[in-house]
C-alpha cells in the first residue's frame, strides 16, 4: 500500500507539525477568547451562582423573620458592626429549612441594615 505524498518524507514532518500547532492554537484561542473553562472553574461558578440565587430568595425571608421577633431590632441597633451577624443568628436559627451560617447571617444583617435605612428615609 502506497502512502499519499503528504505522509512521506519531509512533507510528513510538516504535516504533523501543522496538526500539533493547530491543536495548541485552538486550545489557546478557546481558553483565552472563546470562554472555555476548566472543570474546577465551572464548579466554582456553579456554586457561586447557586449561593447567590439562594441568598436572593432567603435574605428577604430572614429579614422578615428577624423584624418580627420581639426586641430583635433594638438589640441589632445597639450591637457593634462586628457582632451584628451574631445577633441575627441569635434570633433567626433557620430560614426555609436552611440553617444559619456566617455568610448567610452576614447577608441577612446587610439586608436588615438596608431595610432600616429605607425605613429611616421614608420617615
N, C-alpha and C. Protein backbone atom coordinates (compact mmCIF):
# COMPACT_ATOMS: atom_id res chain seq x y z
N UNK A 1 0.84 -1.16 0.00
CA UNK A 1 0.00 0.00 0.00
C UNK A 1 0.89 1.24 0.00
N UNK A 2 0.64 2.11 -0.92
CA UNK A 2 1.44 3.31 -1.07
C UNK A 2 0.78 4.46 -0.31
N UNK A 3 1.60 5.18 0.50
CA UNK A 3 1.10 6.32 1.28
C UNK A 3 1.01 7.55 0.39
N UNK A 4 0.07 8.44 0.67
CA UNK A 4 -0.01 9.69 -0.09
C UNK A 4 1.26 10.50 0.11
N UNK A 5 1.53 11.40 -0.81
CA UNK A 5 2.75 12.20 -0.78
C UNK A 5 2.85 13.06 0.47
N UNK A 6 1.70 13.47 1.02
CA UNK A 6 1.71 14.32 2.21
C UNK A 6 2.21 13.58 3.45
N UNK A 7 2.16 12.24 3.43
CA UNK A 7 2.60 11.44 4.55
C UNK A 7 3.97 10.82 4.33
N UNK A 8 4.73 11.33 3.42
CA UNK A 8 6.05 10.77 3.14
C UNK A 8 7.13 11.83 3.30
N UNK A 9 8.25 11.46 3.90
CA UNK A 9 9.43 12.32 3.98
C UNK A 9 9.20 13.59 4.78
N UNK A 10 9.77 14.69 4.24
CA UNK A 10 9.71 15.98 4.91
C UNK A 10 8.28 16.53 4.95
N UNK A 11 7.47 16.20 4.00
CA UNK A 11 6.09 16.66 3.99
C UNK A 11 5.33 16.08 5.19
N UNK A 12 5.69 14.86 5.57
CA UNK A 12 5.07 14.22 6.72
C UNK A 12 5.39 15.02 7.99
N UNK A 13 6.63 15.44 8.14
CA UNK A 13 7.05 16.22 9.30
C UNK A 13 6.27 17.52 9.38
N UNK A 14 6.17 18.22 8.27
CA UNK A 14 5.44 19.49 8.24
C UNK A 14 3.94 19.27 8.52
N UNK A 15 3.42 18.17 8.00
CA UNK A 15 2.01 17.84 8.23
C UNK A 15 1.74 17.63 9.73
N UNK A 16 2.58 16.83 10.39
CA UNK A 16 2.40 16.57 11.82
C UNK A 16 2.66 17.82 12.66
N UNK A 17 3.61 18.65 12.25
CA UNK A 17 3.85 19.90 12.95
C UNK A 17 2.63 20.82 12.82
N UNK A 18 2.02 20.83 11.67
CA UNK A 18 0.82 21.64 11.46
C UNK A 18 -0.34 21.18 12.33
N UNK A 19 -0.49 19.87 12.47
CA UNK A 19 -1.54 19.34 13.34
C UNK A 19 -1.30 19.75 14.78
N UNK A 20 -0.05 19.60 15.24
CA UNK A 20 0.28 19.96 16.62
C UNK A 20 0.07 21.46 16.85
N UNK A 21 0.54 22.30 15.93
CA UNK A 21 0.38 23.74 16.06
C UNK A 21 -1.10 24.12 16.06
N UNK A 22 -1.88 23.49 15.20
CA UNK A 22 -3.31 23.77 15.14
C UNK A 22 -4.03 23.40 16.43
N UNK A 23 -3.64 22.26 17.02
CA UNK A 23 -4.27 21.83 18.27
C UNK A 23 -3.95 22.80 19.40
N UNK A 24 -2.69 23.19 19.51
CA UNK A 24 -2.29 24.13 20.56
C UNK A 24 -2.96 25.48 20.36
N UNK A 25 -2.99 25.96 19.13
CA UNK A 25 -3.60 27.25 18.84
C UNK A 25 -5.10 27.23 19.14
N UNK A 26 -5.76 26.15 18.76
CA UNK A 26 -7.19 26.03 19.02
C UNK A 26 -7.49 26.09 20.50
N UNK A 27 -6.71 25.39 21.30
CA UNK A 27 -6.93 25.41 22.75
C UNK A 27 -6.64 26.78 23.33
N UNK A 28 -5.56 27.41 22.89
CA UNK A 28 -5.22 28.74 23.41
C UNK A 28 -6.32 29.74 23.08
N UNK A 29 -6.77 29.76 21.85
CA UNK A 29 -7.84 30.68 21.45
C UNK A 29 -9.13 30.36 22.20
N UNK A 30 -9.42 29.08 22.37
CA UNK A 30 -10.64 28.69 23.08
C UNK A 30 -10.64 29.14 24.52
N UNK A 31 -9.52 28.98 25.24
CA UNK A 31 -9.49 29.37 26.64
C UNK A 31 -9.35 30.88 26.82
N UNK A 32 -8.63 31.55 25.92
CA UNK A 32 -8.42 32.99 26.08
C UNK A 32 -9.63 33.78 25.61
N UNK A 33 -10.10 33.53 24.39
CA UNK A 33 -11.18 34.33 23.82
C UNK A 33 -12.51 33.58 23.70
N UNK A 34 -12.46 32.28 23.71
CA UNK A 34 -13.67 31.50 23.46
C UNK A 34 -14.54 31.25 24.67
N UNK A 35 -14.05 31.58 25.85
CA UNK A 35 -14.86 31.38 27.04
C UNK A 35 -14.81 29.97 27.60
N UNK A 36 -13.87 29.15 27.13
CA UNK A 36 -13.76 27.81 27.67
C UNK A 36 -13.24 27.90 29.10
N UNK A 37 -13.68 27.00 29.95
CA UNK A 37 -13.21 26.95 31.33
C UNK A 37 -12.89 25.51 31.70
N UNK A 38 -12.08 25.36 32.74
CA UNK A 38 -11.77 24.02 33.23
C UNK A 38 -12.94 23.53 34.08
N UNK A 39 -12.92 22.28 34.42
CA UNK A 39 -13.98 21.71 35.24
C UNK A 39 -14.04 22.36 36.62
N UNK A 40 -12.89 22.67 37.20
CA UNK A 40 -12.86 23.31 38.51
C UNK A 40 -13.45 24.71 38.46
N UNK A 41 -13.12 25.46 37.42
CA UNK A 41 -13.69 26.81 37.27
C UNK A 41 -15.20 26.73 37.09
N UNK A 42 -15.67 25.77 36.34
CA UNK A 42 -17.11 25.60 36.14
C UNK A 42 -17.80 25.24 37.45
N UNK A 43 -17.16 24.41 38.27
CA UNK A 43 -17.73 24.04 39.56
C UNK A 43 -17.82 25.26 40.47
N UNK A 44 -16.79 26.08 40.49
CA UNK A 44 -16.79 27.28 41.32
C UNK A 44 -17.87 28.25 40.86
N UNK A 45 -18.00 28.44 39.55
CA UNK A 45 -19.03 29.34 39.02
C UNK A 45 -20.43 28.82 39.35
N UNK A 46 -20.62 27.50 39.26
CA UNK A 46 -21.92 26.92 39.58
C UNK A 46 -22.26 27.12 41.06
N UNK A 47 -21.30 26.89 41.93
CA UNK A 47 -21.52 27.06 43.36
C UNK A 47 -21.82 28.50 43.70
N UNK A 48 -21.10 29.44 43.09
CA UNK A 48 -21.33 30.86 43.33
C UNK A 48 -22.72 31.27 42.87
N UNK A 49 -23.13 30.82 41.70
CA UNK A 49 -24.45 31.16 41.18
C UNK A 49 -25.55 30.55 42.04
N UNK A 50 -25.34 29.34 42.49
CA UNK A 50 -26.32 28.66 43.34
C UNK A 50 -26.48 29.40 44.67
N UNK A 51 -25.35 29.78 45.27
CA UNK A 51 -25.39 30.50 46.55
C UNK A 51 -26.04 31.86 46.37
N UNK A 52 -25.69 32.56 45.31
CA UNK A 52 -26.27 33.88 45.05
C UNK A 52 -27.78 33.78 44.84
N UNK A 53 -28.21 32.79 44.09
CA UNK A 53 -29.65 32.61 43.86
C UNK A 53 -30.39 32.27 45.13
N UNK A 54 -29.79 31.41 45.94
CA UNK A 54 -30.42 31.03 47.20
C UNK A 54 -30.50 32.23 48.13
N UNK A 55 -29.43 33.02 48.18
CA UNK A 55 -29.42 34.19 49.06
C UNK A 55 -30.46 35.23 48.63
N UNK A 56 -30.63 35.39 47.33
CA UNK A 56 -31.60 36.39 46.86
C UNK A 56 -33.03 36.04 47.26
N UNK A 57 -33.28 34.75 47.51
CA UNK A 57 -34.60 34.32 47.94
C UNK A 57 -34.70 34.30 49.46
N UNK A 58 -33.65 33.84 50.13
CA UNK A 58 -33.72 33.63 51.57
C UNK A 58 -33.50 34.89 52.41
N UNK A 59 -32.72 35.84 51.92
CA UNK A 59 -32.44 37.04 52.72
C UNK A 59 -33.71 37.84 53.03
N UNK A 60 -34.60 38.08 52.07
CA UNK A 60 -35.83 38.79 52.44
C UNK A 60 -36.67 38.03 53.47
N UNK A 61 -36.68 36.71 53.40
CA UNK A 61 -37.39 35.91 54.41
C UNK A 61 -36.74 36.06 55.78
N UNK A 62 -35.41 36.06 55.79
CA UNK A 62 -34.67 36.22 57.04
C UNK A 62 -34.95 37.59 57.65
N UNK A 63 -34.94 38.62 56.82
CA UNK A 63 -35.22 39.98 57.30
C UNK A 63 -36.62 40.05 57.90
N UNK A 64 -37.59 39.44 57.24
CA UNK A 64 -38.96 39.44 57.74
C UNK A 64 -39.06 38.71 59.07
N UNK A 65 -38.40 37.56 59.19
CA UNK A 65 -38.43 36.81 60.45
C UNK A 65 -37.73 37.59 61.56
N UNK A 66 -36.63 38.23 61.23
CA UNK A 66 -35.88 38.98 62.23
C UNK A 66 -36.67 40.17 62.74
N UNK A 67 -37.26 40.93 61.83
CA UNK A 67 -38.01 42.12 62.25
C UNK A 67 -39.28 41.75 63.01
N UNK A 68 -39.78 40.55 62.81
CA UNK A 68 -40.98 40.11 63.52
C UNK A 68 -40.66 39.65 64.94
N UNK A 69 -39.41 39.33 65.24
CA UNK A 69 -39.03 38.86 66.58
C UNK A 69 -39.04 40.02 67.57
N UNK A 70 -39.50 39.75 68.78
CA UNK A 70 -39.59 40.79 69.81
C UNK A 70 -38.19 41.20 70.29
N UNK A 71 -37.92 42.48 70.28
CA UNK A 71 -36.66 43.01 70.79
C UNK A 71 -35.47 42.85 69.87
N UNK A 72 -35.67 42.25 68.72
CA UNK A 72 -34.56 41.98 67.83
C UNK A 72 -33.98 43.26 67.24
N UNK A 73 -34.84 44.16 66.80
CA UNK A 73 -34.35 45.39 66.17
C UNK A 73 -33.59 46.27 67.16
N UNK A 74 -34.06 46.35 68.40
CA UNK A 74 -33.37 47.16 69.41
C UNK A 74 -31.99 46.59 69.69
N UNK A 75 -31.89 45.28 69.80
CA UNK A 75 -30.60 44.65 70.05
C UNK A 75 -29.68 44.80 68.84
N UNK A 76 -30.26 44.74 67.63
CA UNK A 76 -29.47 44.89 66.41
C UNK A 76 -28.90 46.30 66.31
N UNK A 77 -29.71 47.30 66.62
CA UNK A 77 -29.25 48.68 66.55
C UNK A 77 -28.17 48.97 67.59
N UNK A 78 -28.24 48.31 68.75
CA UNK A 78 -27.27 48.52 69.81
C UNK A 78 -25.97 47.75 69.58
N UNK A 79 -25.98 46.75 68.72
CA UNK A 79 -24.81 45.90 68.50
C UNK A 79 -23.76 46.64 67.68
N UNK A 80 -22.51 46.24 67.90
CA UNK A 80 -21.42 46.81 67.11
C UNK A 80 -21.46 46.21 65.70
N UNK A 81 -20.70 46.81 64.81
CA UNK A 81 -20.69 46.35 63.42
C UNK A 81 -20.18 44.92 63.32
N UNK A 82 -19.31 44.52 64.24
CA UNK A 82 -18.72 43.18 64.17
C UNK A 82 -19.60 42.09 64.78
N UNK A 83 -20.59 42.49 65.58
CA UNK A 83 -21.40 41.48 66.25
C UNK A 83 -22.83 41.38 65.71
N UNK A 84 -23.13 42.11 64.65
CA UNK A 84 -24.49 42.09 64.11
C UNK A 84 -24.87 40.72 63.55
N UNK A 85 -23.90 40.00 62.95
CA UNK A 85 -24.18 38.66 62.44
C UNK A 85 -24.57 37.72 63.57
N UNK A 86 -23.92 37.90 64.73
CA UNK A 86 -24.26 37.08 65.90
C UNK A 86 -25.66 37.36 66.40
N UNK A 87 -26.06 38.63 66.36
CA UNK A 87 -27.42 38.99 66.79
C UNK A 87 -28.44 38.36 65.85
N UNK A 88 -28.16 38.39 64.57
CA UNK A 88 -29.07 37.77 63.60
C UNK A 88 -29.15 36.27 63.85
N UNK A 89 -28.01 35.62 64.08
CA UNK A 89 -28.00 34.18 64.33
C UNK A 89 -28.73 33.84 65.62
N UNK A 90 -28.71 34.75 66.58
CA UNK A 90 -29.39 34.51 67.86
C UNK A 90 -30.91 34.49 67.70
N UNK A 91 -31.44 35.38 66.89
CA UNK A 91 -32.89 35.48 66.74
C UNK A 91 -33.45 34.60 65.63
N UNK A 92 -32.68 34.34 64.59
CA UNK A 92 -33.15 33.51 63.47
C UNK A 92 -32.23 32.30 63.35
N UNK A 93 -32.73 31.14 63.69
CA UNK A 93 -31.92 29.92 63.64
C UNK A 93 -31.87 29.30 62.25
N UNK A 94 -33.02 29.27 61.56
CA UNK A 94 -33.04 28.76 60.19
C UNK A 94 -34.18 29.43 59.43
N UNK A 95 -33.99 29.47 58.12
CA UNK A 95 -34.97 30.08 57.23
C UNK A 95 -35.26 29.08 56.13
N UNK A 96 -36.51 28.69 56.00
CA UNK A 96 -36.92 27.74 54.95
C UNK A 96 -36.03 26.51 54.92
N UNK A 97 -35.83 25.92 56.09
CA UNK A 97 -35.02 24.71 56.26
C UNK A 97 -33.55 24.91 55.93
N UNK A 98 -33.09 26.13 55.88
CA UNK A 98 -31.67 26.42 55.67
C UNK A 98 -31.11 26.95 56.98
N UNK A 99 -30.11 26.25 57.52
CA UNK A 99 -29.54 26.68 58.79
C UNK A 99 -28.69 27.93 58.59
N UNK A 100 -28.56 28.69 59.64
CA UNK A 100 -27.85 29.96 59.59
C UNK A 100 -26.35 29.70 59.70
N UNK A 101 -25.59 30.10 58.68
CA UNK A 101 -24.14 30.08 58.77
C UNK A 101 -23.64 31.53 58.68
N UNK A 102 -22.33 31.72 58.75
CA UNK A 102 -21.80 33.08 58.82
C UNK A 102 -22.14 33.91 57.59
N UNK A 103 -21.97 33.33 56.40
CA UNK A 103 -22.22 34.10 55.17
C UNK A 103 -23.70 34.46 55.05
N UNK A 104 -24.56 33.55 55.45
CA UNK A 104 -26.00 33.82 55.41
C UNK A 104 -26.37 34.88 56.45
N UNK A 105 -25.78 34.78 57.64
CA UNK A 105 -26.06 35.78 58.68
C UNK A 105 -25.55 37.15 58.26
N UNK A 106 -24.40 37.18 57.61
CA UNK A 106 -23.85 38.47 57.14
C UNK A 106 -24.76 39.08 56.07
N UNK A 107 -25.23 38.26 55.13
CA UNK A 107 -26.14 38.76 54.09
C UNK A 107 -27.45 39.24 54.70
N UNK A 108 -27.93 38.51 55.70
CA UNK A 108 -29.17 38.91 56.36
C UNK A 108 -28.97 40.21 57.13
N UNK A 109 -27.83 40.37 57.80
CA UNK A 109 -27.54 41.62 58.53
C UNK A 109 -27.46 42.80 57.57
N UNK A 110 -26.88 42.58 56.42
CA UNK A 110 -26.83 43.64 55.40
C UNK A 110 -28.23 43.99 54.94
N UNK A 111 -29.07 42.99 54.75
CA UNK A 111 -30.46 43.23 54.36
C UNK A 111 -31.23 43.99 55.42
N UNK A 112 -30.97 43.68 56.69
CA UNK A 112 -31.64 44.37 57.78
C UNK A 112 -31.19 45.83 57.83
N UNK A 113 -29.89 46.07 57.65
CA UNK A 113 -29.39 47.45 57.63
C UNK A 113 -30.02 48.24 56.48
N UNK A 114 -30.16 47.61 55.33
CA UNK A 114 -30.79 48.27 54.18
C UNK A 114 -32.25 48.57 54.49
N UNK A 115 -32.93 47.63 55.12
CA UNK A 115 -34.34 47.83 55.50
C UNK A 115 -34.48 48.97 56.49
N UNK A 116 -33.58 49.03 57.46
CA UNK A 116 -33.63 50.13 58.43
C UNK A 116 -33.33 51.47 57.77
N UNK A 117 -32.39 51.50 56.83
CA UNK A 117 -32.07 52.73 56.12
C UNK A 117 -33.26 53.20 55.28
N UNK A 118 -33.94 52.26 54.63
CA UNK A 118 -35.12 52.59 53.82
C UNK A 118 -36.25 53.11 54.71
N UNK A 119 -36.42 52.51 55.89
CA UNK A 119 -37.47 52.96 56.82
C UNK A 119 -37.16 54.36 57.35
N UNK A 120 -35.88 54.64 57.59
CA UNK A 120 -35.49 55.96 58.09
C UNK A 120 -35.68 57.02 57.02
N UNK A 121 -35.46 56.67 55.77
CA UNK A 121 -35.62 57.60 54.66
C UNK A 121 -37.10 57.95 54.47
N UNK A 122 -37.98 56.97 54.63
CA UNK A 122 -39.41 57.19 54.43
C UNK A 122 -40.02 58.04 55.54
N UNK A 123 -39.41 58.00 56.73
CA UNK A 123 -39.96 58.75 57.87
C UNK A 123 -39.70 60.23 57.79
